[in-house]
Amino acid sequence: MLARDPDHLVGLVAETLLGCSVQQAPSQFGDHSEISSKRFSCLVFCPTKVHCENTARMLAELLPPIACFPGSSESDPNDSNPVEQMRERRADVIQNLRVDAVPDPSRVDKSTGVVRTCCPILELTVPRGVAYHHGGLTQEERTVLEEGFADGTLSVLCCTSTLAAGYQQIVGRAGRAGFDSVGESVTILQPNDRSNFAQMLTTIPRIGLSDSSASEIASAGLCCSSLLYENGKGMRQLLLSLIGLQIASTHEELLRAVRTTLFAVQARFAGSDRIEEVVNAELHALISRDLVLATSCETLRTSSPARTVHGDLKKLQFQATRLGRAAVRGGLDTDQIGPLLSDLRLTARALNTSGPLHLLYLVAPPDVVDQIQVDWSVLYERISLLPPTEANLISLLGFPEGYVLWKAAGHPIRKKLDERPLRRLFVALALSDLWHSSSTLPIWQVADRYKLSRGTLQSLLASAASLASCLAHALASEYASDEELWAFSHLLPQFATRLAYCVSSELLPLMELPGVKRVSDQAVDKFPLLCRLFTPFI
């Protein structure tokens, strides 16, 4: 046991769940009902997703029955009714995890012959009151596990920092205000981390005005303004929104608005006077990206004001350009809208509409794509299986046919090209598989095919649908009459809706019904009359 649990985590978790040591538990509680009434929960934070899964499996296998089943004893875990009730509740959790799943014949339990329809690790751990929680799970799976943990059905969650804040954590957090008078938090460290951890507990980082200082503050668990993350992207977004919504048009009005933010409060607390300097720098960035027009009062009165970058910003007035207004109305990133519209203009000359792949490529979220690790052998295999009508997409992207083959074979590339288009294509291919077979192919099978987690794939799908919807709003508001982009303003709204639900166009009206989460194409085959009766009333 020590080999599997060198940090003695099993003992710590068991003691937390019981409120006393395992040896003291039978004498601490007089009867089983008292054990059942004194139920505790525990969160185990892990550094990685794989660590979460391995820790959950280890705890489920090594925790004593008295810790896993409130109301049980070491001698006979089946001698009381609360145990059976708890088993039924945990069986319901497993069943809820299977609700949105499609049976996969390739996942058969050899011991029972049952076809598994959810994660095999959760199938093993949930009956013992243990589960893991991280971004690799689908949103539906996370919701089921959070609800099970909140109502006491699950006692232990092994989680990443995604559960470190928010209302979900309040069940397992030590020392809850208004609920507990005392609580404990245990941090398990490696020997070489002890000095750094002790320094973090006793030192509060100085609040500064740089991206690095913001990361330092956040890592210390302190609340920090996000306006300076990613080289001031938040500040640019704020300034463009103020100008685009016509809330502020002068330098003084912009400064007045910024001084009401958490960023300004923390800057004043740190004794910094760089607020105006930061605002000026981001205004220049917006002007250089053609998102904001800076003009003098005299120029503004003319019919065609010219852009003015030089001079004192305090004497200028600001208004959003056409591109800036589209970014505001579509809710698009100030750093992404320019490249996105440029891609659309290039694509308008040769858009492949024989399938969804080309459009999926265009709406693949750039910030998420950069975080995806491409498996070149998988990419080459999926490109080879493309139908002839979509096979020309690789040439439209400007890549030689043998480039992906050489990457898949592991050969060195003499002239390395910008591979971001191929990364977007990799994501688009995964989304295309979901688009075509979401009702017949389990999401984890598509995820395994592309070596992604099912949560990551679901997040990609949601981000792509959101980006398509935002682009549709931006184009409809400002580019509906544009010679190159007008077609996209009509094409993207319906495309975004279908992408969000990933069902055929015939089933889209049914998805608008309250409470409907999933409608498969098999449902139309089995109940065609019912589907036709519902559709006209939506």
Protein backbone atom coordinates (compact mmCIF):
# COMPACT_ATOMS: atom_id res chain seq x y z
CA MET A 1 0.00 0.00 0.00
CA LEU A 2 2.88 2.36 0.79
CA ALA A 3 4.25 1.81 -2.71
CA ARG A 4 0.98 3.02 -4.24
CA ASP A 5 0.39 5.77 -1.66
CA PRO A 6 3.74 7.25 -0.61
CA ASP A 7 2.05 10.48 0.54
CA HIS A 8 -0.31 8.60 2.91
CA LEU A 9 -3.25 10.16 1.10
CA VAL A 10 -5.59 7.27 1.89
CA GLY A 11 -5.24 7.82 5.63
CA LEU A 12 -5.75 11.57 5.31
CA VAL A 13 -8.87 11.19 3.18
CA ALA A 14 -10.34 8.47 5.40
CA GLU A 15 -9.76 10.60 8.49
CA THR A 16 -11.44 13.57 6.79
CA LEU A 17 -14.49 11.55 5.75
CA LEU A 18 -14.95 9.97 9.19
CA GLY A 19 -13.99 12.94 11.33
CA CYS A 20 -11.58 10.66 13.21
CA SER A 21 -9.01 7.98 12.46
CA VAL A 22 -10.12 4.67 10.99
CA GLN A 23 -9.12 2.82 14.18
CA GLN A 24 -11.26 5.12 16.34
CA ALA A 25 -14.32 5.03 14.06
CA PRO A 26 -16.14 1.96 15.48
CA SER A 27 -15.83 3.26 19.05
CA GLN A 28 -16.36 6.92 18.17
CA PHE A 29 -19.87 6.29 16.84
CA GLY A 30 -22.31 4.28 18.91
CA ASP A 31 -24.51 3.06 16.06
CA HIS A 32 -24.69 3.13 12.30
CA SER A 33 -27.25 5.92 12.13
CA GLU A 34 -24.84 8.24 13.90
CA ILE A 35 -22.11 7.46 11.39
CA SER A 36 -24.55 8.13 8.56
CA SER A 37 -25.57 11.49 10.02
CA LYS A 38 -21.96 12.64 10.44
CA ARG A 39 -21.00 12.58 6.79
CA PHE A 40 -18.05 14.64 5.58
CA SER A 41 -16.65 15.39 2.14
CA CYS A 42 -13.19 15.97 0.80
CA LEU A 43 -11.58 17.65 -2.21
CA VAL A 44 -8.18 16.43 -3.38
CA PHE A 45 -6.52 18.95 -5.69
CA CYS A 46 -4.09 17.44 -8.19
CA PRO A 47 -1.65 19.15 -10.58
CA THR A 48 -2.70 17.38 -13.80
CA LYS A 49 -5.68 15.59 -15.33
CA VAL A 50 -3.88 12.24 -15.39
CA HIS A 51 -2.94 12.70 -11.74
CA CYS A 52 -6.63 13.24 -10.92
CA GLU A 53 -7.67 10.01 -12.60
CA ASN A 54 -4.87 7.94 -11.05
CA THR A 55 -5.53 9.36 -7.58
CA ALA A 56 -9.27 8.66 -7.85
CA ARG A 57 -8.61 5.06 -8.89
CA MET A 58 -6.11 4.59 -6.06
CA LEU A 59 -8.47 5.99 -3.41
CA ALA A 60 -11.39 3.90 -4.67
CA GLU A 61 -9.32 0.74 -4.41
CA LEU A 62 -7.58 1.44 -1.08
CA LEU A 63 -10.10 3.37 1.06
CA PRO A 64 -11.63 1.16 3.78
CA PRO A 65 -15.36 0.32 3.44
CA ILE A 66 -16.25 2.30 6.57
CA ALA A 67 -15.00 5.46 4.81
CA CYS A 68 -16.66 4.68 1.48
CA PHE A 69 -20.05 3.66 2.91
CA PRO A 70 -21.37 5.78 5.79
CA GLY A 71 -23.13 3.43 8.18
CA SER A 72 -20.98 0.38 7.42
CA SER A 73 -18.45 -1.47 9.56
CA GLU A 74 -15.27 -3.34 8.73
CA SER A 75 -16.81 -6.71 9.66
CA ASP A 76 -19.93 -6.56 7.51
CA PRO A 77 -20.42 -3.68 5.08
CA ASN A 78 -23.87 -4.98 4.12
CA ASP A 79 -25.51 -5.16 7.55
CA SER A 80 -27.42 -1.88 7.40
CA ASN A 81 -29.97 -0.21 5.18
CA PRO A 82 -28.00 3.06 4.67
CA VAL A 83 -25.38 1.14 2.71
CA GLU A 84 -27.93 -0.13 0.20
CA GLN A 85 -29.47 3.32 -0.10
CA MET A 86 -26.06 4.82 -0.81
CA ARG A 87 -25.33 2.15 -3.41
CA GLU A 88 -28.60 2.92 -5.16
CA ARG A 89 -27.85 6.65 -5.20
CA ARG A 90 -24.40 6.03 -6.65
CA ALA A 91 -25.89 3.69 -9.23
CA ASP A 92 -28.16 6.58 -10.21
CA VAL A 93 -25.08 8.78 -10.68
CA ILE A 94 -23.59 6.18 -13.02
CA GLN A 95 -26.88 6.01 -14.90
CA ASN A 96 -26.98 9.81 -15.23
CA LEU A 97 -23.47 9.73 -16.64
CA ARG A 98 -24.80 7.38 -19.31
CA VAL A 99 -27.83 9.49 -20.28
CA ASP A 100 -26.12 11.51 -23.01
CA ALA A 101 -23.82 8.68 -24.02
CA VAL A 102 -24.16 6.38 -27.01
CA PRO A 103 -23.33 2.69 -26.34
CA ASP A 104 -19.96 1.74 -27.76
CA PRO A 105 -19.72 -1.99 -28.60
CA SER A 106 -15.92 -1.79 -28.48
CA ARG A 107 -16.06 -1.08 -24.72
CA VAL A 108 -17.27 -4.37 -23.24
CA ASP A 109 -16.58 -5.35 -19.63
CA LYS A 110 -15.06 -8.82 -19.98
CA SER A 111 -16.13 -9.83 -16.47
CA THR A 112 -19.81 -8.88 -16.79
CA GLY A 113 -20.33 -8.62 -20.55
CA VAL A 114 -21.90 -5.18 -20.08
CA VAL A 115 -21.27 -2.52 -22.71
CA ARG A 116 -19.77 0.49 -20.97
CA THR A 117 -21.20 3.84 -21.95
CA CYS A 118 -19.14 6.21 -19.81
CA CYS A 119 -15.57 6.52 -18.57
CA PRO A 120 -14.30 3.15 -17.23
CA ILE A 121 -12.50 4.91 -14.38
CA LEU A 122 -15.74 6.53 -13.22
CA GLU A 123 -17.52 3.18 -13.57
CA LEU A 124 -14.97 1.85 -11.07
CA THR A 125 -14.71 4.76 -8.64
CA VAL A 126 -18.26 6.17 -8.35
CA PRO A 127 -19.68 3.06 -6.58
CA ARG A 128 -17.05 3.71 -3.90
CA GLY A 129 -18.03 7.37 -3.53
CA VAL A 130 -14.94 8.69 -5.35
CA ALA A 131 -14.75 10.56 -8.67
CA TYR A 132 -12.45 12.87 -10.59
CA HIS A 133 -13.28 16.29 -12.02
CA HIS A 134 -11.29 18.15 -14.66
CA GLY A 135 -11.59 19.84 -18.02
CA GLY A 136 -11.32 16.52 -19.85
CA LEU A 137 -14.89 15.65 -18.86
CA THR A 138 -17.88 16.81 -20.83
CA GLN A 139 -20.04 19.54 -19.31
CA GLU A 140 -22.84 17.03 -18.66
CA GLU A 141 -20.49 14.69 -16.81
CA ARG A 142 -19.13 17.52 -14.69
CA THR A 143 -22.64 18.66 -13.77
CA VAL A 144 -23.66 15.15 -12.68
CA LEU A 145 -20.55 14.75 -10.53
CA GLU A 146 -20.92 18.21 -8.97
CA GLU A 147 -24.53 17.50 -8.04
CA GLY A 148 -23.59 14.11 -6.62
CA PHE A 149 -20.85 15.69 -4.53
CA ALA A 150 -23.16 18.47 -3.34
CA ASP A 151 -25.86 16.10 -2.07
CA GLY A 152 -23.41 13.75 -0.35
CA THR A 153 -23.68 10.84 -2.77
CA LEU A 154 -20.01 11.27 -3.65
CA SER A 155 -17.61 11.83 -0.78
CA VAL A 156 -14.34 12.54 -2.58
CA LEU A 157 -13.55 14.55 -5.71
CA CYS A 158 -10.04 14.49 -7.13
CA CYS A 159 -9.94 17.69 -9.13
CA THR A 160 -7.74 20.22 -10.86
CA SER A 161 -7.82 23.97 -10.33
CA THR A 162 -11.04 24.17 -12.40
CA LEU A 163 -12.87 23.47 -9.15
CA ALA A 164 -10.64 25.71 -7.01
CA ALA A 165 -13.12 28.60 -6.96
CA GLY A 166 -16.82 29.15 -7.28
CA TYR A 167 -19.95 27.78 -5.72
CA GLN A 168 -19.14 24.16 -6.59
CA GLN A 169 -16.21 24.09 -4.18
CA ILE A 170 -18.15 25.27 -1.14
CA VAL A 171 -19.19 21.72 -0.17
CA GLY A 172 -15.63 20.53 0.27
CA ARG A 173 -13.82 23.68 1.31
CA ALA A 174 -12.50 23.64 4.86
CA GLY A 175 -13.98 26.19 7.25
CA ARG A 176 -17.07 27.34 5.32
CA ALA A 177 -18.38 30.65 6.62
CA GLY A 178 -21.74 30.16 8.31
CA PHE A 179 -21.48 26.35 8.20
CA ASP A 180 -18.28 25.32 9.99
CA SER A 181 -16.52 26.59 13.08
CA VAL A 182 -13.23 24.97 12.13
CA GLY A 183 -11.69 23.33 9.08
CA GLU A 184 -8.43 21.87 7.83
CA SER A 185 -6.52 22.09 4.58
CA VAL A 186 -3.50 19.86 4.04
CA THR A 187 -0.87 20.63 1.40
CA ILE A 188 1.38 17.76 0.31
CA LEU A 189 4.76 19.01 -0.90
CA GLN A 190 7.90 17.64 -2.38
CA PRO A 191 10.97 18.34 -0.21
CA ASN A 192 12.40 20.84 -2.69
CA ASP A 193 9.15 22.88 -2.63
CA ARG A 194 8.95 23.46 1.11
CA SER A 195 10.93 26.69 1.25
CA ASN A 196 8.99 28.23 -1.66
CA PHE A 197 5.68 27.26 -0.07
CA ALA A 198 6.67 28.74 3.29
CA GLN A 199 7.67 31.98 1.56
CA MET A 200 4.35 32.10 -0.32
CA LEU A 201 2.41 31.80 2.95
CA THR A 202 4.24 34.69 4.58
CA THR A 203 4.79 37.03 1.62
CA ILE A 204 2.17 39.05 -0.24
CA PRO A 205 3.43 40.00 -3.73
CA ARG A 206 3.48 43.67 -4.56
CA ILE A 207 0.65 44.72 -6.84
CA GLY A 208 2.15 46.07 -10.01
CA LEU A 209 1.06 46.98 -13.52
CA SER A 210 2.64 44.27 -15.63
CA ASP A 211 1.43 40.98 -17.01
CA SER A 212 4.04 39.06 -15.01
CA SER A 213 3.07 40.68 -11.72
CA ALA A 214 -0.58 39.86 -12.41
CA SER A 215 0.33 36.19 -12.86
CA GLU A 216 2.34 36.27 -9.65
CA ILE A 217 -0.61 37.72 -7.72
CA ALA A 218 -3.01 35.16 -9.17
CA SER A 219 -0.68 32.27 -8.29
CA ALA A 220 -0.66 33.50 -4.70
CA GLY A 221 -4.45 33.23 -4.57
CA LEU A 222 -5.15 36.96 -4.53
CA CYS A 223 -7.80 38.72 -6.58
CA CYS A 224 -6.19 40.60 -9.45
CA SER A 225 -7.51 42.68 -12.32
CA SER A 226 -7.42 40.88 -15.66
CA LEU A 227 -7.10 44.03 -17.79
CA LEU A 228 -3.37 43.51 -18.33
CA TYR A 229 -3.39 39.82 -19.16
CA GLU A 230 -2.05 38.84 -22.59
CA ASN A 231 -0.22 42.12 -23.09
CA GLY A 232 -3.12 44.37 -22.16
CA LYS A 233 -5.86 42.66 -24.18
CA GLY A 234 -8.43 43.31 -21.46
CA MET A 235 -7.65 47.03 -21.46
CA ARG A 236 -7.96 47.18 -25.25
CA GLN A 237 -11.30 45.40 -25.08
CA LEU A 238 -12.56 47.81 -22.40
CA LEU A 239 -11.47 50.93 -24.29
CA LEU A 240 -12.96 49.71 -27.58
CA SER A 241 -16.26 48.90 -25.86
CA LEU A 242 -16.42 52.35 -24.27
CA ILE A 243 -15.75 54.01 -27.63
CA GLY A 244 -17.87 51.65 -29.75
CA LEU A 245 -20.90 51.97 -27.46
CA GLN A 246 -20.41 55.77 -27.44
CA ILE A 247 -20.02 55.84 -23.67
CA ALA A 248 -16.77 57.78 -23.99
CA SER A 249 -15.24 59.66 -26.90
CA THR A 250 -12.47 61.78 -25.34
CA HIS A 251 -9.29 60.95 -23.51
CA GLU A 252 -10.63 62.44 -20.29
CA GLU A 253 -13.81 60.36 -20.41
CA LEU A 254 -11.84 57.19 -21.05
CA LEU A 255 -9.51 57.87 -18.13
CA ARG A 256 -12.47 58.59 -15.86
CA ALA A 257 -14.00 55.21 -16.73
CA VAL A 258 -10.74 53.30 -16.28
CA ARG A 259 -10.17 54.88 -12.85
CA THR A 260 -13.33 53.11 -11.61
CA THR A 261 -11.94 49.62 -12.32
CA LEU A 262 -10.22 47.16 -9.99
CA PHE A 263 -7.06 47.72 -12.01
CA ALA A 264 -6.99 51.40 -11.00
CA VAL A 265 -7.78 50.60 -7.36
CA GLN A 266 -4.87 48.17 -7.19
CA ALA A 267 -2.60 50.64 -8.97
CA ARG A 268 -3.41 53.34 -6.42
CA PHE A 269 -2.85 50.85 -3.60
CA ALA A 270 0.58 50.09 -5.06
CA GLY A 271 1.38 53.81 -5.35
CA SER A 272 1.65 53.69 -9.13
CA ASP A 273 0.78 56.54 -11.49
CA ARG A 274 1.06 54.54 -14.72
CA ILE A 275 -2.69 54.34 -15.39
CA GLU A 276 -2.61 57.07 -18.02
CA GLU A 277 0.50 55.56 -19.59
CA VAL A 278 -1.21 52.18 -19.96
CA VAL A 279 -4.37 53.76 -21.43
CA ASN A 280 -2.33 55.75 -23.95
CA ALA A 281 -0.37 52.68 -25.03
CA GLU A 282 -3.51 50.62 -25.63
CA LEU A 283 -5.21 53.50 -27.47
CA HIS A 284 -2.28 53.63 -29.87
CA ALA A 285 -2.58 49.84 -30.31
CA LEU A 286 -6.28 50.16 -31.21
CA ILE A 287 -5.55 52.96 -33.68
CA SER A 288 -2.75 50.99 -35.35
CA ARG A 289 -5.09 48.00 -35.81
CA ASP A 290 -7.72 50.16 -37.50
CA LEU A 291 -10.23 49.59 -34.70
CA VAL A 292 -10.38 53.20 -33.49
CA LEU A 293 -10.23 56.50 -35.36
CA ALA A 294 -8.55 59.41 -33.55
CA THR A 295 -9.40 62.84 -34.93
CA SER A 296 -9.08 66.45 -33.90
CA CYS A 297 -12.21 68.49 -33.30
CA GLU A 298 -11.70 70.44 -36.54
CA THR A 299 -11.23 67.31 -38.62
CA LEU A 300 -14.28 65.68 -37.05
CA ARG A 301 -16.53 68.41 -38.49
CA THR A 302 -15.52 67.55 -42.05
CA SER A 303 -17.36 64.96 -44.09
CA SER A 304 -14.36 62.58 -44.29
CA PRO A 305 -12.26 62.70 -41.12
CA ALA A 306 -8.72 61.45 -41.49
CA ARG A 307 -6.98 59.21 -39.01
CA THR A 308 -4.63 61.11 -36.69
CA VAL A 309 -2.06 59.18 -34.70
CA HIS A 310 0.37 61.96 -33.91
CA GLY A 311 -0.17 64.71 -31.39
CA ASP A 312 -1.49 64.90 -27.86
CA LEU A 313 -4.20 62.29 -27.24
CA LYS A 314 -5.86 64.65 -24.76
CA LYS A 315 -6.84 66.95 -27.64
CA LEU A 316 -8.29 64.21 -29.83
CA GLN A 317 -11.67 62.57 -30.07
CA PHE A 318 -12.16 58.86 -30.68
CA GLN A 319 -14.70 56.89 -32.62
CA ALA A 320 -14.86 53.24 -33.62
CA THR A 321 -14.09 52.30 -37.20
CA ARG A 322 -16.22 49.88 -39.17
CA LEU A 323 -13.97 47.05 -38.01
CA GLY A 324 -14.14 48.27 -34.41
CA ARG A 325 -17.93 48.48 -34.45
CA ALA A 326 -18.10 44.93 -35.80
CA ALA A 327 -15.84 43.74 -32.98
CA VAL A 328 -18.06 45.38 -30.36
CA ARG A 329 -21.38 44.21 -31.80
CA GLY A 330 -20.11 40.70 -32.40
CA GLY A 331 -18.30 40.45 -29.07
CA LEU A 332 -15.09 39.50 -30.86
CA ASP A 333 -11.53 39.66 -29.60
CA THR A 334 -9.71 42.83 -30.65
CA ASP A 335 -6.65 40.76 -31.57
CA GLN A 336 -8.58 38.24 -33.66
CA ILE A 337 -11.20 40.12 -35.66
CA GLY A 338 -8.72 41.52 -38.19
CA PRO A 339 -7.17 38.14 -39.13
CA LEU A 340 -10.60 36.46 -39.08
CA LEU A 341 -12.10 38.89 -41.59
CA SER A 342 -8.96 38.66 -43.73
CA ASP A 343 -9.41 34.88 -43.86
CA LEU A 344 -13.05 35.32 -44.87
CA ARG A 345 -12.09 37.70 -47.69
CA LEU A 346 -9.53 35.24 -49.03
CA THR A 347 -11.95 32.34 -48.70
CA ALA A 348 -14.71 34.22 -50.54
CA ARG A 349 -12.76 33.69 -53.76
CA ALA A 350 -12.71 29.87 -53.42
CA LEU A 351 -15.11 28.62 -50.73
CA ASN A 352 -15.72 24.87 -50.73
CA THR A 353 -19.41 24.41 -49.84
CA SER A 354 -19.66 20.72 -50.75
CA GLY A 355 -19.36 19.92 -47.05
CA PRO A 356 -18.96 21.67 -43.69
CA LEU A 357 -15.18 21.21 -43.46
CA HIS A 358 -14.13 24.54 -45.00
CA LEU A 359 -16.55 26.54 -42.85
CA LEU A 360 -15.47 24.59 -39.76
CA TYR A 361 -11.89 25.52 -40.62
CA LEU A 362 -12.84 29.20 -40.71
CA VAL A 363 -14.57 29.15 -37.31
CA ALA A 364 -11.96 27.05 -35.50
CA PRO A 365 -11.12 29.30 -32.50
CA PRO A 366 -7.51 30.53 -32.97
CA ASP A 367 -6.71 30.82 -29.26
CA VAL A 368 -7.80 27.22 -28.61
CA VAL A 369 -6.17 25.86 -31.75
CA ASP A 370 -2.76 27.06 -30.57
CA GLN A 371 -3.08 24.83 -27.50
CA ILE A 372 -3.89 21.65 -29.45
CA GLN A 373 -1.13 19.11 -29.96
CA VAL A 374 -1.43 17.81 -33.51
CA ASP A 375 -0.79 14.13 -34.19
CA TRP A 376 0.57 14.28 -37.73
CA SER A 377 -0.07 10.61 -38.48
CA VAL A 378 -3.73 11.05 -37.51
CA LEU A 379 -3.95 14.23 -39.61
CA TYR A 380 -2.50 12.47 -42.65
CA GLU A 381 -4.85 9.51 -42.20
CA ARG A 382 -7.94 11.73 -41.93
CA ILE A 383 -6.90 13.82 -44.95
CA SER A 384 -6.45 10.60 -46.95
CA LEU A 385 -10.03 9.59 -46.11
CA LEU A 386 -11.58 12.87 -47.24
CA PRO A 387 -14.08 12.60 -50.10
CA PRO A 388 -12.91 14.00 -53.44
CA THR A 389 -15.22 17.00 -53.06
CA GLU A 390 -13.32 18.18 -49.96
CA ALA A 391 -9.85 16.85 -50.72
CA ASN A 392 -8.75 20.08 -52.41
CA LEU A 393 -8.85 22.00 -49.12
CA ILE A 394 -5.21 21.19 -48.34
CA SER A 395 -4.14 22.81 -51.64
CA LEU A 396 -6.38 25.82 -50.96
CA LEU A 397 -4.44 26.32 -47.73
CA GLY A 398 -1.22 26.56 -49.75
CA PHE A 399 0.54 23.39 -48.58
CA PRO A 400 2.26 20.83 -50.85
CA GLU A 401 0.59 17.42 -50.82
CA GLY A 402 3.68 15.74 -49.41
CA TYR A 403 4.19 18.14 -46.49
CA VAL A 404 1.82 16.35 -44.09
CA LEU A 405 3.16 12.96 -45.22
CA TRP A 406 6.72 13.97 -44.37
CA LYS A 407 5.60 15.28 -40.99
CA ALA A 408 3.70 12.06 -40.29
CA ALA A 409 6.73 9.97 -41.24
CA GLY A 410 8.94 11.99 -38.92
CA HIS A 411 11.27 13.24 -41.64
CA PRO A 412 12.99 16.60 -41.11
CA ILE A 413 11.50 19.49 -43.06
CA ARG A 414 14.08 21.73 -44.72
CA LYS A 415 11.73 24.62 -45.35
CA LYS A 416 9.30 24.71 -42.45
CA LEU A 417 6.08 26.57 -43.18
CA ASP A 418 3.66 28.25 -40.81
CA GLU A 419 1.75 25.22 -39.52
CA ARG A 420 -1.13 27.09 -37.87
CA PRO A 421 -3.43 26.44 -40.88
CA LEU A 422 -2.77 22.72 -40.52
CA ARG A 423 -3.56 22.92 -36.81
CA ARG A 424 -6.87 24.58 -37.65
CA LEU A 425 -7.50 21.86 -40.23
CA PHE A 426 -6.85 19.19 -37.58
CA VAL A 427 -9.46 20.78 -35.32
CA ALA A 428 -11.87 21.21 -38.24
CA LEU A 429 -11.58 17.52 -39.11
CA ALA A 430 -12.45 16.53 -35.53
CA LEU A 431 -15.44 18.87 -35.54
CA SER A 432 -16.47 17.52 -38.94
CA ASP A 433 -16.62 13.99 -37.54
CA LEU A 434 -18.93 15.22 -34.78
CA TRP A 435 -21.00 17.15 -37.31
CA HIS A 436 -21.62 14.09 -39.48
CA SER A 437 -22.06 11.41 -36.80
CA SER A 438 -22.91 13.04 -33.46
CA SER A 439 -26.01 10.86 -33.05
CA THR A 440 -24.30 7.56 -33.93
CA LEU A 441 -20.69 7.98 -32.79
CA PRO A 442 -19.82 8.53 -29.10
CA ILE A 443 -17.92 11.72 -28.42
CA TRP A 444 -15.14 9.80 -26.69
CA GLN A 445 -14.62 7.67 -29.80
CA VAL A 446 -14.04 10.80 -31.88
CA ALA A 447 -11.82 12.15 -29.09
CA ASP A 448 -9.78 8.93 -29.01
CA ARG A 449 -9.46 9.02 -32.79
CA TYR A 450 -7.79 12.44 -32.62
CA LYS A 451 -6.07 11.75 -29.27
CA LEU A 452 -7.97 14.51 -27.47
CA SER A 453 -9.96 14.39 -24.25
CA ARG A 454 -13.73 14.37 -24.69
CA GLY A 455 -14.01 17.54 -22.61
CA THR A 456 -11.50 19.30 -24.84
CA LEU A 457 -13.41 18.22 -27.94
CA GLN A 458 -16.73 19.40 -26.49
CA SER A 459 -15.12 22.71 -25.52
CA LEU A 460 -13.78 23.08 -29.07
CA LEU A 461 -17.27 22.49 -30.44
CA ALA A 462 -18.80 25.09 -28.14
CA SER A 463 -16.05 27.63 -28.90
CA ALA A 464 -16.41 27.13 -32.66
CA ALA A 465 -20.20 27.55 -32.46
CA SER A 466 -19.76 30.68 -30.36
CA LEU A 467 -17.22 32.15 -32.78
CA ALA A 468 -19.50 31.40 -35.74
CA SER A 469 -22.40 33.14 -34.00
CA CYS A 470 -20.24 36.16 -33.09
CA LEU A 471 -18.98 36.45 -36.66
CA ALA A 472 -22.55 36.24 -37.94
CA HIS A 473 -23.60 39.16 -35.71
CA ALA A 474 -20.54 41.21 -36.63
CA LEU A 475 -21.01 40.70 -40.37
CA ALA A 476 -24.76 41.31 -40.27
CA SER A 477 -24.28 44.61 -38.44
CA GLU A 478 -21.49 46.13 -40.52
CA TYR A 479 -20.72 44.03 -43.61
CA ALA A 480 -24.14 42.95 -44.90
CA SER A 481 -23.59 44.97 -48.08
CA ASP A 482 -19.87 44.24 -48.45
CA GLU A 483 -19.04 42.85 -51.89
CA GLU A 484 -16.89 40.03 -50.49
CA LEU A 485 -18.44 39.28 -47.09
CA TRP A 486 -22.19 39.67 -47.64
CA ALA A 487 -22.67 35.95 -48.32
CA PHE A 488 -21.13 34.96 -44.98
CA SER A 489 -23.59 37.18 -43.12
CA HIS A 490 -26.39 34.97 -44.51
CA LEU A 491 -24.54 31.65 -44.32
CA LEU A 492 -23.11 31.74 -40.79
CA PRO A 493 -26.28 32.16 -38.63
CA GLN A 494 -27.84 28.84 -39.70
CA PHE A 495 -24.42 27.19 -39.68
CA ALA A 496 -23.75 28.36 -36.10
CA THR A 497 -27.11 27.04 -34.88
CA ARG A 498 -26.59 23.61 -36.38
CA LEU A 499 -23.00 23.50 -35.11
CA ALA A 500 -24.14 24.31 -31.57
CA TYR A 501 -26.51 21.31 -31.51
CA CYS A 502 -24.66 19.05 -33.97
CA VAL A 503 -27.85 17.53 -35.35
CA SER A 504 -29.33 17.38 -38.83
CA SER A 505 -31.28 20.38 -40.09
CA GLU A 506 -34.57 18.45 -39.73
CA LEU A 507 -34.00 18.13 -35.97
CA LEU A 508 -33.09 21.76 -35.27
CA PRO A 509 -36.68 22.82 -34.44
CA LEU A 510 -36.93 20.03 -31.84
CA MET A 511 -33.78 21.27 -30.10
CA GLU A 512 -35.57 24.54 -29.32
CA LEU A 513 -37.98 22.71 -27.00
CA PRO A 514 -37.30 23.38 -23.28
CA GLY A 515 -35.56 20.47 -21.61
CA VAL A 516 -34.48 18.77 -24.84
CA LYS A 517 -30.78 18.00 -24.62
CA ARG A 518 -30.25 15.43 -27.32
CA VAL A 519 -32.28 14.23 -30.29
CA SER A 520 -30.75 11.56 -32.48
CA ASP A 521 -31.47 10.69 -36.07
CA GLN A 522 -32.67 7.29 -34.84
CA ALA A 523 -35.45 9.09 -32.97
CA VAL A 524 -36.78 10.41 -36.27
CA ASP A 525 -36.70 6.91 -37.75
CA LYS A 526 -38.55 5.42 -34.75
CA PHE A 527 -41.03 8.24 -34.13
CA PRO A 528 -41.42 10.16 -37.42
CA LEU A 529 -45.04 11.13 -36.82
CA LEU A 530 -44.31 12.52 -33.35
CA CYS A 531 -41.45 14.64 -34.69
CA ARG A 532 -43.66 16.02 -37.48
CA LEU A 533 -46.42 16.88 -35.01
CA PHE A 534 -44.07 18.83 -32.76
CA THR A 535 -42.20 20.74 -35.45
CA PRO A 536 -45.02 23.10 -36.65
CA PHE A 537 -45.63 24.41 -33.12
CA ILE A 538 -42.06 25.54 -32.49
